[in-house]
PDB file of N, CA and C in Angstrom:
ATOM      1  N   MET A   1     127.437 126.080 144.289  1.00  0.00           N
ATOM      2  CA  MET A   1     126.304 125.366 143.743  1.00  0.00           C
ATOM      3  C   MET A   1     126.504 123.875 143.978  1.00  0.00           C
ATOM      4  N   SER A   2     125.406 123.249 144.210  1.00  0.00           N
ATOM      5  CA  SER A   2     125.502 121.820 144.477  1.00  0.00           C
ATOM      6  C   SER A   2     125.611 121.039 143.183  1.00  0.00           C
ATOM      7  N   LYS A   3     126.070 119.834 143.308  1.00  0.00           N
ATOM      8  CA  LYS A   3     126.262 118.960 142.148  1.00  0.00           C
ATOM      9  C   LYS A   3     124.918 118.596 141.523  1.00  0.00           C
ATOM     10  N   ASN A   4     123.889 118.360 142.350  1.00  0.00           N
ATOM     11  CA  ASN A   4     122.561 118.012 141.842  1.00  0.00           C
ATOM     12  C   ASN A   4     121.955 119.146 141.024  1.00  0.00           C
ATOM     13  N   TYR A   5     122.185 120.385 141.500  1.00  0.00           N
ATOM     14  CA  TYR A   5     121.646 121.533 140.774  1.00  0.00           C
ATOM     15  C   TYR A   5     122.271 121.637 139.393  1.00  0.00           C
ATOM     16  N   LYS A   6     123.584 121.436 139.306  1.00  0.00           N
ATOM     17  CA  LYS A   6     124.273 121.519 138.017  1.00  0.00           C
ATOM     18  C   LYS A   6     123.804 120.427 137.067  1.00  0.00           C
ATOM     19  N   GLN A   7     123.606 119.209 137.600  1.00  0.00           N
ATOM     20  CA  GLN A   7     123.124 118.116 136.752  1.00  0.00           C
ATOM     21  C   GLN A   7     121.703 118.394 136.266  1.00  0.00           C
ATOM     22  N   GLN A   8     120.852 118.901 137.156  1.00  0.00           N
ATOM     23  CA  GLN A   8     119.474 119.212 136.781  1.00  0.00           C
ATOM     24  C   GLN A   8     119.437 120.324 135.738  1.00  0.00           C
ATOM     25  N   LYS A   9     120.283 121.349 135.911  1.00  0.00           N
ATOM     26  CA  LYS A   9     120.338 122.451 134.960  1.00  0.00           C
ATOM     27  C   LYS A   9     120.814 121.955 133.602  1.00  0.00           C
ATOM     28  N   LYS A  10     121.770 121.070 133.579  1.00  0.00           N
ATOM     29  CA  LYS A  10     122.281 120.526 132.319  1.00  0.00           C
ATOM     30  C   LYS A  10     121.194 119.733 131.600  1.00  0.00           C
ATOM     31  N   LYS A  11     120.409 118.929 132.335  1.00  0.00           N
ATOM     32  CA  LYS A  11     119.312 118.170 131.738  1.00  0.00           C
ATOM     33  C   LYS A  11     118.257 119.118 131.159  1.00  0.00           C
ATOM     34  N   THR A  12     117.941 120.162 131.909  1.00  0.00           N
ATOM     35  CA  THR A  12     116.949 121.137 131.445  1.00  0.00           C
ATOM     36  C   THR A  12     117.432 121.838 130.192  1.00  0.00           C
ATOM     37  N   ASP A  13     118.686 122.243 130.174  1.00  0.00           N
ATOM     38  CA  ASP A  13     119.245 122.904 128.990  1.00  0.00           C
ATOM     39  C   ASP A  13     119.232 121.981 127.787  1.00  0.00           C
ATOM     40  N   ASN A  14     119.542 120.710 127.974  1.00  0.00           N
ATOM     41  CA  ASN A  14     119.516 119.751 126.858  1.00  0.00           C
ATOM     42  C   ASN A  14     118.105 119.553 126.341  1.00  0.00           C
ATOM     43  N   ASN A  15     117.126 119.467 127.250  1.00  0.00           N
ATOM     44  CA  ASN A  15     115.732 119.322 126.820  1.00  0.00           C
ATOM     45  C   ASN A  15     115.263 120.560 126.065  1.00  0.00           C
ATOM     46  N   PHE A  16     115.658 121.731 126.518  1.00  0.00           N
ATOM     47  CA  PHE A  16     115.261 122.964 125.837  1.00  0.00           C
ATOM     48  C   PHE A  16     115.860 123.018 124.440  1.00  0.00           C
ATOM     49  N   ASN A  17     117.103 122.654 124.309  1.00  0.00           N
ATOM     50  CA  ASN A  17     117.744 122.672 122.993  1.00  0.00           C
ATOM     51  C   ASN A  17     117.118 121.663 122.043  1.00  0.00           C
ATOM     52  N   ALA A  18     116.646 120.557 122.566  1.00  0.00           N
ATOM     53  CA  ALA A  18     116.015 119.546 121.714  1.00  0.00           C
ATOM     54  C   ALA A  18     114.665 120.042 121.206  1.00  0.00           C
ATOM     55  N   ARG A  19     113.986 120.875 122.019  1.00  0.00           N
ATOM     56  CA  ARG A  19     112.674 121.363 121.605  1.00  0.00           C
ATOM     57  C   ARG A  19     112.755 122.641 120.778  1.00  0.00           C
ATOM     58  N   THR A  20     113.868 123.314 120.818  1.00  0.00           N
ATOM     59  CA  THR A  20     114.009 124.564 120.084  1.00  0.00           C
ATOM     60  C   THR A  20     114.081 124.266 118.600  1.00  0.00           C
ATOM     61  N   PRO A  21     113.233 124.918 117.789  1.00  0.00           N
ATOM     62  CA  PRO A  21     113.266 124.642 116.359  1.00  0.00           C
ATOM     63  C   PRO A  21     114.593 125.063 115.741  1.00  0.00           C
ATOM     64  N   SER A  22     115.026 124.263 114.814  1.00  0.00           N
ATOM     65  CA  SER A  22     116.272 124.589 114.135  1.00  0.00           C
ATOM     66  C   SER A  22     116.014 125.677 113.107  1.00  0.00           C
ATOM     67  N   LYS A  23     117.079 126.289 112.640  1.00  0.00           N
ATOM     68  CA  LYS A  23     116.952 127.384 111.694  1.00  0.00           C
ATOM     69  C   LYS A  23     116.674 126.869 110.301  1.00  0.00           C
ATOM     70  N   HIS A  24     116.076 127.724 109.498  1.00  0.00           N
ATOM     71  CA  HIS A  24     115.832 127.401 108.097  1.00  0.00           C
ATOM     72  C   HIS A  24     117.146 127.475 107.345  1.00  0.00           C
ATOM     73  N   ASN A  25     117.240 126.681 106.317  1.00  0.00           N
ATOM     74  CA  ASN A  25     118.379 126.765 105.424  1.00  0.00           C
ATOM     75  C   ASN A  25     118.182 128.011 104.571  1.00  0.00           C
ATOM     76  N   SER A  26     119.122 128.922 104.618  1.00  0.00           N
ATOM     77  CA  SER A  26     118.940 130.199 103.926  1.00  0.00           C
ATOM     78  C   SER A  26     118.947 130.048 102.408  1.00  0.00           C
ATOM     79  N   LYS A  27     119.612 129.048 101.891  1.00  0.00           N
ATOM     80  CA  LYS A  27     119.668 128.882 100.440  1.00  0.00           C
ATOM     81  C   LYS A  27     118.384 128.278  99.886  1.00  0.00           C
ATOM     82  N   THR A  28     117.882 127.248 100.516  1.00  0.00           N
ATOM     83  CA  THR A  28     116.702 126.561  99.990  1.00  0.00           C
ATOM     84  C   THR A  28     115.411 126.991 100.665  1.00  0.00           C
ATOM     85  N   GLY A  29     115.480 127.570 101.866  1.00  0.00           N
ATOM     86  CA  GLY A  29     114.279 127.954 102.590  1.00  0.00           C
ATOM     87  C   GLY A  29     113.616 126.777 103.276  1.00  0.00           C
ATOM     88  N   LEU A  30     114.292 125.633 103.324  1.00  0.00           N
ATOM     89  CA  LEU A  30     113.704 124.433 103.908  1.00  0.00           C
ATOM     90  C   LEU A  30     114.105 124.304 105.367  1.00  0.00           C
ATOM     91  N   ILE A  31     113.362 123.508 106.108  1.00  0.00           N
ATOM     92  CA  ILE A  31     113.589 123.303 107.527  1.00  0.00           C
ATOM     93  C   ILE A  31     114.409 122.037 107.712  1.00  0.00           C
ATOM     94  N   ALA A  32     115.230 122.047 108.739  1.00  0.00           N
ATOM     95  CA  ALA A  32     116.042 120.866 109.035  1.00  0.00           C
ATOM     96  C   ALA A  32     115.138 119.677 109.330  1.00  0.00           C
ATOM     97  N   PRO A  33     115.513 118.474 108.899  1.00  0.00           N
ATOM     98  CA  PRO A  33     114.611 117.321 108.987  1.00  0.00           C
ATOM     99  C   PRO A  33     114.364 116.764 110.377  1.00  0.00           C
ATOM    100  N   GLN A  34     115.018 117.249 111.450  1.00  0.00           N
ATOM    101  CA  GLN A  34     114.780 116.664 112.762  1.00  0.00           C
ATOM    102  C   GLN A  34     113.481 117.157 113.395  1.00  0.00           C
ATOM    103  N   GLU A  35     112.840 118.162 112.840  1.00  0.00           N
ATOM    104  CA  GLU A  35     111.581 118.634 113.398  1.00  0.00           C
ATOM    105  C   GLU A  35     110.454 117.662 113.050  1.00  0.00           C
ATOM    106  N   PRO A  36     109.426 117.583 113.893  1.00  0.00           N
ATOM    107  CA  PRO A  36     108.375 116.573 113.694  1.00  0.00           C
ATOM    108  C   PRO A  36     107.661 116.654 112.347  1.00  0.00           C
ATOM    109  N   PHE A  37     107.303 117.831 111.913  1.00  0.00           N
ATOM    110  CA  PHE A  37     106.549 117.954 110.676  1.00  0.00           C
ATOM    111  C   PHE A  37     107.385 118.604 109.570  1.00  0.00           C
ATOM    112  N   ALA A  38     108.662 118.451 109.641  1.00  0.00           N
ATOM    113  CA  ALA A  38     109.557 119.115 108.693  1.00  0.00           C
ATOM    114  C   ALA A  38     109.343 118.607 107.270  1.00  0.00           C
ATOM    115  N   ARG A  39     109.086 117.323 107.113  1.00  0.00           N
ATOM    116  CA  ARG A  39     108.870 116.798 105.750  1.00  0.00           C
ATOM    117  C   ARG A  39     107.635 117.409 105.114  1.00  0.00           C
ATOM    118  N   TRP A  40     106.549 117.520 105.896  1.00  0.00           N
ATOM    119  CA  TRP A  40     105.332 118.142 105.363  1.00  0.00           C
ATOM    120  C   TRP A  40     105.571 119.611 105.060  1.00  0.00           C
ATOM    121  N   GLU A  41     106.251 120.290 105.969  1.00  0.00           N
ATOM    122  CA  GLU A  41     106.543 121.707 105.778  1.00  0.00           C
ATOM    123  C   GLU A  41     107.385 121.918 104.515  1.00  0.00           C
ATOM    124  N   ASN A  42     108.390 121.100 104.341  1.00  0.00           N
ATOM    125  CA  ASN A  42     109.246 121.217 103.150  1.00  0.00           C
ATOM    126  C   ASN A  42     108.464 120.912 101.878  1.00  0.00           C
ATOM    127  N   PHE A  43     107.580 119.907 101.939  1.00  0.00           N
ATOM    128  CA  PHE A  43     106.764 119.559 100.776  1.00  0.00           C
ATOM    129  C   PHE A  43     105.880 120.732 100.367  1.00  0.00           C
ATOM    130  N   PHE A  44     105.224 121.367 101.347  1.00  0.00           N
ATOM    131  CA  PHE A  44     104.346 122.496 101.032  1.00  0.00           C
ATOM    132  C   PHE A  44     105.131 123.724 100.596  1.00  0.00           C
ATOM    133  N   ARG A  45     106.324 123.910 101.142  1.00  0.00           N
ATOM    134  CA  ARG A  45     107.154 125.034 100.702  1.00  0.00           C
ATOM    135  C   ARG A  45     107.591 124.857  99.251  1.00  0.00           C
ATOM    136  N   LYS A  46     107.960 123.640  98.887  1.00  0.00           N
ATOM    137  CA  LYS A  46     108.399 123.384  97.512  1.00  0.00           C
ATOM    138  C   LYS A  46     107.249 123.543  96.521  1.00  0.00           C
ATOM    139  N   ASN A  47     106.038 123.173  96.915  1.00  0.00           N
ATOM    140  CA  ASN A  47     104.881 123.158  96.010  1.00  0.00           C
ATOM    141  C   ASN A  47     103.887 124.265  96.327  1.00  0.00           C
ATOM    142  N   LEU A  48     104.363 125.382  96.832  1.00  0.00           N
ATOM    143  CA  LEU A  48     103.481 126.468  97.247  1.00  0.00           C
ATOM    144  C   LEU A  48     102.651 127.011  96.088  1.00  0.00           C
ATOM    145  N   LYS A  49     103.256 127.222  94.942  1.00  0.00           N
ATOM    146  CA  LYS A  49     102.524 127.762  93.790  1.00  0.00           C
ATOM    147  C   LYS A  49     101.460 126.791  93.304  1.00  0.00           C
ATOM    148  N   ILE A  50     101.776 125.519  93.310  1.00  0.00           N
ATOM    149  CA  ILE A  50     100.807 124.514  92.869  1.00  0.00           C
ATOM    150  C   ILE A  50      99.576 124.537  93.782  1.00  0.00           C
ATOM    151  N   PHE A  51      99.801 124.562  95.099  1.00  0.00           N
ATOM    152  CA  PHE A  51      98.680 124.592  96.035  1.00  0.00           C
ATOM    153  C   PHE A  51      97.896 125.894  95.928  1.00  0.00           C
ATOM    154  N   PHE A  52      98.579 126.994  95.658  1.00  0.00           N
ATOM    155  CA  PHE A  52      97.883 128.263  95.477  1.00  0.00           C
ATOM    156  C   PHE A  52      96.962 128.199  94.265  1.00  0.00           C
ATOM    157  N   TYR A  53      97.474 127.708  93.128  1.00  0.00           N
ATOM    158  CA  TYR A  53      96.657 127.650  91.919  1.00  0.00           C
ATOM    159  C   TYR A  53      95.524 126.633  92.042  1.00  0.00           C
ATOM    160  N   ILE A  54      95.763 125.537  92.731  1.00  0.00           N
ATOM    161  CA  ILE A  54      94.685 124.562  92.957  1.00  0.00           C
ATOM    162  C   ILE A  54      93.587 125.182  93.819  1.00  0.00           C
ATOM    163  N   SER A  55      93.966 125.872  94.889  1.00  0.00           N
ATOM    164  CA  SER A  55      92.944 126.491  95.750  1.00  0.00           C
ATOM    165  C   SER A  55      92.218 127.614  95.024  1.00  0.00           C
ATOM    166  N   LEU A  56      92.921 128.372  94.195  1.00  0.00           N
ATOM    167  CA  LEU A  56      92.279 129.423  93.404  1.00  0.00           C
ATOM    168  C   LEU A  56      91.291 128.822  92.413  1.00  0.00           C
ATOM    169  N   PHE A  57      91.690 127.751  91.743  1.00  0.00           N
ATOM    170  CA  PHE A  57      90.817 127.062  90.789  1.00  0.00           C
ATOM    171  C   PHE A  57      89.567 126.525  91.490  1.00  0.00           C
ATOM    172  N   LEU A  58      89.743 125.882  92.640  1.00  0.00           N
ATOM    173  CA  LEU A  58      88.591 125.338  93.378  1.00  0.00           C
ATOM    174  C   LEU A  58      87.669 126.451  93.873  1.00  0.00           C
ATOM    175  N   THR A  59      88.236 127.579  94.264  1.00  0.00           N
ATOM    176  CA  THR A  59      87.418 128.707  94.699  1.00  0.00           C
ATOM    177  C   THR A  59      86.560 129.234  93.563  1.00  0.00           C
ATOM    178  N   VAL A  60      87.155 129.364  92.388  1.00  0.00           N
ATOM    179  CA  VAL A  60      86.399 129.855  91.228  1.00  0.00           C
ATOM    180  C   VAL A  60      85.312 128.864  90.840  1.00  0.00           C
ATOM    181  N   ILE A  61      85.658 127.577  90.777  1.00  0.00           N
ATOM    182  CA  ILE A  61      84.682 126.545  90.396  1.00  0.00           C
ATOM    183  C   ILE A  61      83.531 126.504  91.401  1.00  0.00           C
ATOM    184  N   LEU A  62      83.845 126.489  92.689  1.00  0.00           N
ATOM    185  CA  LEU A  62      82.783 126.450  93.696  1.00  0.00           C
ATOM    186  C   LEU A  62      81.967 127.742  93.694  1.00  0.00           C
ATOM    187  N   GLY A  63      82.610 128.883  93.451  1.00  0.00           N
ATOM    188  CA  GLY A  63      81.886 130.140  93.378  1.00  0.00           C
ATOM    189  C   GLY A  63      80.890 130.145  92.231  1.00  0.00           C
ATOM    190  N   ILE A  64      81.307 129.624  91.083  1.00  0.00           N
ATOM    191  CA  ILE A  64      80.405 129.541  89.929  1.00  0.00           C
ATOM    192  C   ILE A  64      79.295 128.529  90.191  1.00  0.00           C
ATOM    193  N   TYR A  65      79.662 127.392  90.750  1.00  0.00           N
ATOM    194  CA  TYR A  65      78.687 126.334  90.994  1.00  0.00           C
ATOM    195  C   TYR A  65      77.643 126.758  92.025  1.00  0.00           C
ATOM    196  N   LEU A  66      78.057 127.474  93.048  1.00  0.00           N
ATOM    197  CA  LEU A  66      77.138 127.851  94.125  1.00  0.00           C
ATOM    198  C   LEU A  66      76.458 129.200  93.904  1.00  0.00           C
ATOM    199  N   PHE A  67      76.746 129.864  92.795  1.00  0.00           N
ATOM    200  CA  PHE A  67      76.147 131.165  92.511  1.00  0.00           C
ATOM    201  C   PHE A  67      74.647 131.000  92.272  1.00  0.00           C
ATOM    202  N   ASP A  68      73.867 131.832  92.941  1.00  0.00           N
ATOM    203  CA  ASP A  68      72.419 131.747  92.849  1.00  0.00           C
ATOM    204  C   ASP A  68      71.882 133.101  92.401  1.00  0.00           C
ATOM    205  N   VAL A  69      71.195 133.130  91.259  1.00  0.00           N
ATOM    206  CA  VAL A  69      70.698 134.378  90.701  1.00  0.00           C
ATOM    207  C   VAL A  69      69.407 134.821  91.383  1.00  0.00           C
ATOM    208  N   LYS A  70      68.711 133.898  91.996  1.00  0.00           N
ATOM    209  CA  LYS A  70      67.422 134.243  92.607  1.00  0.00           C
ATOM    210  C   LYS A  70      67.585 135.287  93.706  1.00  0.00           C
ATOM    211  N   ILE A  71      66.647 136.209  93.749  1.00  0.00           N
ATOM    212  CA  ILE A  71      66.613 137.189  94.835  1.00  0.00           C
ATOM    213  C   ILE A  71      65.668 136.662  95.900  1.00  0.00           C
ATOM    214  N   HIS A  72      66.148 136.614  97.111  1.00  0.00           N
ATOM    215  CA  HIS A  72      65.319 136.145  98.212  1.00  0.00           C
ATOM    216  C   HIS A  72      64.547 137.336  98.769  1.00  0.00           C
ATOM    217  N   GLU A  73      63.240 137.190  98.859  1.00  0.00           N
ATOM    218  CA  GLU A  73      62.388 138.304  99.267  1.00  0.00           C
ATOM    219  C   GLU A  73      62.698 138.804 100.668  1.00  0.00           C
ATOM    220  N   GLY A  74      63.018 137.916 101.560  1.00  0.00           N
ATOM    221  CA  GLY A  74      63.294 138.325 102.934  1.00  0.00           C
ATOM    222  C   GLY A  74      64.765 138.488 103.225  1.00  0.00           C
ATOM    223  N   GLY A  75      65.609 138.311 102.215  1.00  0.00           N
ATOM    224  CA  GLY A  75      67.044 138.351 102.454  1.00  0.00           C
ATOM    225  C   GLY A  75      67.648 139.733 102.312  1.00  0.00           C
ATOM    226  N   ASP A  76      68.912 139.826 102.636  1.00  0.00           N
ATOM    227  CA  ASP A  76      69.611 141.101 102.554  1.00  0.00           C
ATOM    228  C   ASP A  76      69.785 141.575 101.127  1.00  0.00           C
ATOM    229  N   ASP A  77      69.936 140.638 100.189  1.00  0.00           N
ATOM    230  CA  ASP A  77      70.198 141.060  98.808  1.00  0.00           C
ATOM    231  C   ASP A  77      69.058 141.904  98.252  1.00  0.00           C
ATOM    232  N   SER A  78      67.821 141.534  98.539  1.00  0.00           N
ATOM    233  CA  SER A  78      66.692 142.335  98.041  1.00  0.00           C
ATOM    234  C   SER A  78      66.641 143.701  98.727  1.00  0.00           C
ATOM    235  N   ASN A  79      66.976 143.744 100.006  1.00  0.00           N
ATOM    236  CA  ASN A  79      66.985 145.029 100.713  1.00  0.00           C
ATOM    237  C   ASN A  79      68.066 145.952 100.165  1.00  0.00           C
ATOM    238  N   TYR A  80      69.245 145.411  99.915  1.00  0.00           N
ATOM    239  CA  TYR A  80      70.329 146.230  99.372  1.00  0.00           C
ATOM    240  C   TYR A  80      69.966 146.777  97.994  1.00  0.00           C
ATOM    241  N   ILE A  81      69.414 145.940  97.144  1.00  0.00           N
ATOM    242  CA  ILE A  81      69.037 146.385  95.802  1.00  0.00           C
ATOM    243  C   ILE A  81      67.945 147.445  95.879  1.00  0.00           C
ATOM    244  N   GLU A  82      66.964 147.233  96.742  1.00  0.00           N
ATOM    245  CA  GLU A  82      65.886 148.214  96.890  1.00  0.00           C
ATOM    246  C   GLU A  82      66.416 149.539  97.432  1.00  0.00           C
ATOM    247  N   MET A  83      67.303 149.483  98.432  1.00  0.00           N
ATOM    248  CA  MET A  83      67.864 150.716  98.985  1.00  0.00           C
ATOM    249  C   MET A  83      68.727 151.440  97.954  1.00  0.00           C
ATOM    250  N   ALA A  84      69.483 150.693  97.146  1.00  0.00           N
ATOM    251  CA  ALA A  84      70.308 151.313  96.104  1.00  0.00           C
ATOM    252  C   ALA A  84      69.432 151.969  95.042  1.00  0.00           C
ATOM    253  N   TYR A  85      68.370 151.295  94.657  1.00  0.00           N
ATOM    254  CA  TYR A  85      67.458 151.851  93.645  1.00  0.00           C
ATOM    255  C   TYR A  85      66.774 153.116  94.164  1.00  0.00           C
ATOM    256  N   ASN A  86      66.311 153.080  95.399  1.00  0.00           N
ATOM    257  CA  ASN A  86      65.660 154.250  95.995  1.00  0.00           C
ATOM    258  C   ASN A  86      66.648 155.410  96.154  1.00  0.00           C
ATOM    259  N   PHE A  87      67.900 155.104  96.502  1.00  0.00           N
ATOM    260  CA  PHE A  87      68.910 156.150  96.613  1.00  0.00           C
ATOM    261  C   PHE A  87      69.182 156.782  95.252  1.00  0.00           C
ATOM    262  N   LEU A  88      69.257 155.945  94.225  1.00  0.00           N
ATOM    263  CA  LEU A  88      69.530 156.434  92.876  1.00  0.00           C
ATOM    264  C   LEU A  88      68.394 157.324  92.373  1.00  0.00           C
ATOM    265  N   LYS A  89      67.173 156.959  92.686  1.00  0.00           N
ATOM    266  CA  LYS A  89      66.006 157.739  92.250  1.00  0.00           C
ATOM    267  C   LYS A  89      65.734 158.940  93.143  1.00  0.00           C
ATOM    268  N   GLY A  90      66.498 159.082  94.228  1.00  0.00           N
ATOM    269  CA  GLY A  90      66.327 160.232  95.118  1.00  0.00           C
ATOM    270  C   GLY A  90      65.174 160.100  96.077  1.00  0.00           C
ATOM    271  N   LYS A  91      64.641 158.890  96.253  1.00  0.00           N
ATOM    272  CA  LYS A  91      63.497 158.694  97.148  1.00  0.00           C
ATOM    273  C   LYS A  91      63.912 158.653  98.614  1.00  0.00           C
ATOM    274  N   SER A  92      65.051 158.020  98.896  1.00  0.00           N
ATOM    275  CA  SER A  92      65.482 157.920 100.291  1.00  0.00           C
ATOM    276  C   SER A  92      66.992 157.667 100.349  1.00  0.00           C
ATOM    277  N   PHE A  93      67.540 157.948 101.518  1.00  0.00           N
ATOM    278  CA  PHE A  93      68.953 157.680 101.780  1.00  0.00           C
ATOM    279  C   PHE A  93      69.033 156.401 102.603  1.00  0.00           C
ATOM    280  N   PRO A  94      69.881 155.439 102.217  1.00  0.00           N
ATOM    281  CA  PRO A  94      69.975 154.189 102.986  1.00  0.00           C
ATOM    282  C   PRO A  94      70.418 154.481 104.421  1.00  0.00           C
ATOM    283  N   SER A  95      69.682 153.939 105.385  1.00  0.00           N
ATOM    284  CA  SER A  95      69.961 154.374 106.752  1.00  0.00           C
ATOM    285  C   SER A  95      70.101 153.261 107.781  1.00  0.00           C
ATOM    286  N   TRP A  96      69.595 152.084 107.575  1.00  0.00           N
ATOM    287  CA  TRP A  96      69.570 151.166 108.708  1.00  0.00           C
ATOM    288  C   TRP A  96      70.691 150.154 108.727  1.00  0.00           C
ATOM    289  N   HIS A  97      71.177 149.648 107.641  1.00  0.00           N
ATOM    290  CA  HIS A  97      72.408 148.849 107.645  1.00  0.00           C
ATOM    291  C   HIS A  97      72.994 148.823 106.246  1.00  0.00           C
ATOM    292  N   GLY A  98      74.284 148.798 106.183  1.00  0.00           N
ATOM    293  CA  GLY A  98      74.972 148.741 104.901  1.00  0.00           C
ATOM    294  C   GLY A  98      74.747 149.969 104.050  1.00  0.00           C
ATOM    295  N   GLU A  99      74.851 151.132 104.656  1.00  0.00           N
ATOM    296  CA  GLU A  99      74.566 152.361 103.913  1.00  0.00           C
ATOM    297  C   GLU A  99      75.514 152.518 102.730  1.00  0.00           C
ATOM    298  N   PHE A 100      76.800 152.357 102.987  1.00  0.00           N
ATOM    299  CA  PHE A 100      77.780 152.566 101.922  1.00  0.00           C
ATOM    300  C   PHE A 100      77.639 151.518 100.825  1.00  0.00           C
ATOM    301  N   TYR A 101      77.335 150.289 101.201  1.00  0.00           N
ATOM    302  CA  TYR A 101      77.173 149.229 100.199  1.00  0.00           C
ATOM    303  C   TYR A 101      75.998 149.537  99.267  1.00  0.00           C
ATOM    304  N   SER A 102      74.933 150.042  99.805  1.00  0.00           N
ATOM    305  CA  SER A 102      73.782 150.408  98.973  1.00  0.00           C
ATOM    306  C   SER A 102      74.130 151.562  98.046  1.00  0.00           C
ATOM    307  N   ILE A 103      74.885 152.533  98.553  1.00  0.00           N
ATOM    308  CA  ILE A 103      75.313 153.650  97.705  1.00  0.00           C
ATOM    309  C   ILE A 103      76.245 153.142  96.602  1.00  0.00           C
ATOM    310  N   LEU A 104      77.151 152.230  96.951  1.00  0.00           N
ATOM    311  CA  LEU A 104      78.055 151.641  95.965  1.00  0.00           C
ATOM    312  C   LEU A 104      77.283 150.857  94.895  1.00  0.00           C
ATOM    313  N   MET A 105      76.253 150.156  95.309  1.00  0.00           N
ATOM    314  CA  MET A 105      75.454 149.377  94.355  1.00  0.00           C
ATOM    315  C   MET A 105      74.621 150.254  93.428  1.00  0.00           C
ATOM    316  N   SER A 106      74.416 151.504  93.791  1.00  0.00           N
ATOM    317  CA  SER A 106      73.638 152.382  92.921  1.00  0.00           C
ATOM    318  C   SER A 106      74.410 152.718  91.636  1.00  0.00           C
ATOM    319  N   LEU A 107      75.746 152.646  91.672  1.00  0.00           N
ATOM    320  CA  LEU A 107      76.535 152.912  90.463  1.00  0.00           C
ATOM    321  C   LEU A 107      76.301 151.875  89.368  1.00  0.00           C
ATOM    322  N   PRO A 108      76.363 150.552  89.665  1.00  0.00           N
ATOM    323  CA  PRO A 108      76.036 149.580  88.609  1.00  0.00           C
ATOM    324  C   PRO A 108      74.586 149.678  88.145  1.00  0.00           C
ATOM    325  N   ILE A 109      73.682 150.061  89.034  1.00  0.00           N
ATOM    326  CA  ILE A 109      72.283 150.239  88.620  1.00  0.00           C
ATOM    327  C   ILE A 109      72.191 151.407  87.648  1.00  0.00           C
ATOM    328  N   LEU A 110      72.955 152.449  87.908  1.00  0.00           N
ATOM    329  CA  LEU A 110      72.979 153.600  87.013  1.00  0.00           C
ATOM    330  C   LEU A 110      73.539 153.216  85.641  1.00  0.00           C
ATOM    331  N   ILE A 111      74.580 152.379  85.624  1.00  0.00           N
ATOM    332  CA  ILE A 111      75.240 152.001  84.366  1.00  0.00           C
ATOM    333  C   ILE A 111      74.480 150.897  83.631  1.00  0.00           C
ATOM    334  N   PHE A 112      74.120 149.811  84.339  1.00  0.00           N
ATOM    335  CA  PHE A 112      73.541 148.622  83.701  1.00  0.00           C
ATOM    336  C   PHE A 112      72.044 148.479  83.904  1.00  0.00           C
ATOM    337  N   GLY A 113      71.451 149.275  84.745  1.00  0.00           N
ATOM    338  CA  GLY A 113      70.046 149.085  85.081  1.00  0.00           C
ATOM    339  C   GLY A 113      69.925 148.033  86.173  1.00  0.00           C
ATOM    340  N   LEU A 114      68.741 147.516  86.363  1.00  0.00           N
ATOM    341  CA  LEU A 114      68.529 146.487  87.389  1.00  0.00           C
ATOM    342  C   LEU A 114      68.902 145.106  86.851  1.00  0.00           C
ATOM    343  N   ASN A 115      70.163 144.908  86.598  1.00  0.00           N
ATOM    344  CA  ASN A 115      70.679 143.622  86.141  1.00  0.00           C
ATOM    345  C   ASN A 115      71.075 142.813  87.378  1.00  0.00           C
ATOM    346  N   VAL A 116      70.257 141.826  87.709  1.00  0.00           N
ATOM    347  CA  VAL A 116      70.425 141.078  88.952  1.00  0.00           C
ATOM    348  C   VAL A 116      71.742 140.309  88.990  1.00  0.00           C
ATOM    349  N   VAL A 117      72.173 139.755  87.864  1.00  0.00           N
ATOM    350  CA  VAL A 117      73.415 138.983  87.843  1.00  0.00           C
ATOM    351  C   VAL A 117      74.600 139.860  88.215  1.00  0.00           C
ATOM    352  N   ILE A 118      74.688 141.054  87.634  1.00  0.00           N
ATOM    353  CA  ILE A 118      75.797 141.958  87.954  1.00  0.00           C
ATOM    354  C   ILE A 118      75.717 142.406  89.398  1.00  0.00           C
ATOM    355  N   LEU A 119      74.526 142.695  89.883  1.00  0.00           N
ATOM    356  CA  LEU A 119      74.376 143.118  91.275  1.00  0.00           C
ATOM    357  C   LEU A 119      74.714 141.997  92.249  1.00  0.00           C
ATOM    358  N   LYS A 120      74.394 140.770  91.920  1.00  0.00           N
ATOM    359  CA  LYS A 120      74.705 139.652  92.808  1.00  0.00           C
ATOM    360  C   LYS A 120      76.196 139.341  92.802  1.00  0.00           C
ATOM    361  N   ILE A 121      76.896 139.621  91.712  1.00  0.00           N
ATOM    362  CA  ILE A 121      78.344 139.408  91.675  1.00  0.00           C
ATOM    363  C   ILE A 121      79.033 140.362  92.643  1.00  0.00           C
ATOM    364  N   LEU A 122      78.503 141.581  92.778  1.00  0.00           N
ATOM    365  CA  LEU A 122      79.076 142.536  93.715  1.00  0.00           C
ATOM    366  C   LEU A 122      78.850 142.047  95.122  1.00  0.00           C
TER     367      LEU A 122
END
């Protein structure tokens, strides 16, 4: 092998090792600090539960805030409710889309009646 080839191979191996991510610390689960985003990664690993509960809280708040009880005449919600009601009364079997969902919605209609809030939560 030529001397140039060995020098080039050594440079390539050094570059590869520099780019290879280091291993996690098995005791703490943190990443070695030489990686580019290691500080952010370690911060999120340490505060994982906090971020989970914050995102869960925001999801619930936004879900409540954006909840709309109105039934849209041309929307899917009115079609699903109508198909579930017709299935429950034995008038027709849901056939064109969301067959199982309409059958599933017939159970709350059977228990609670046509309570739009409960049906919209489903």
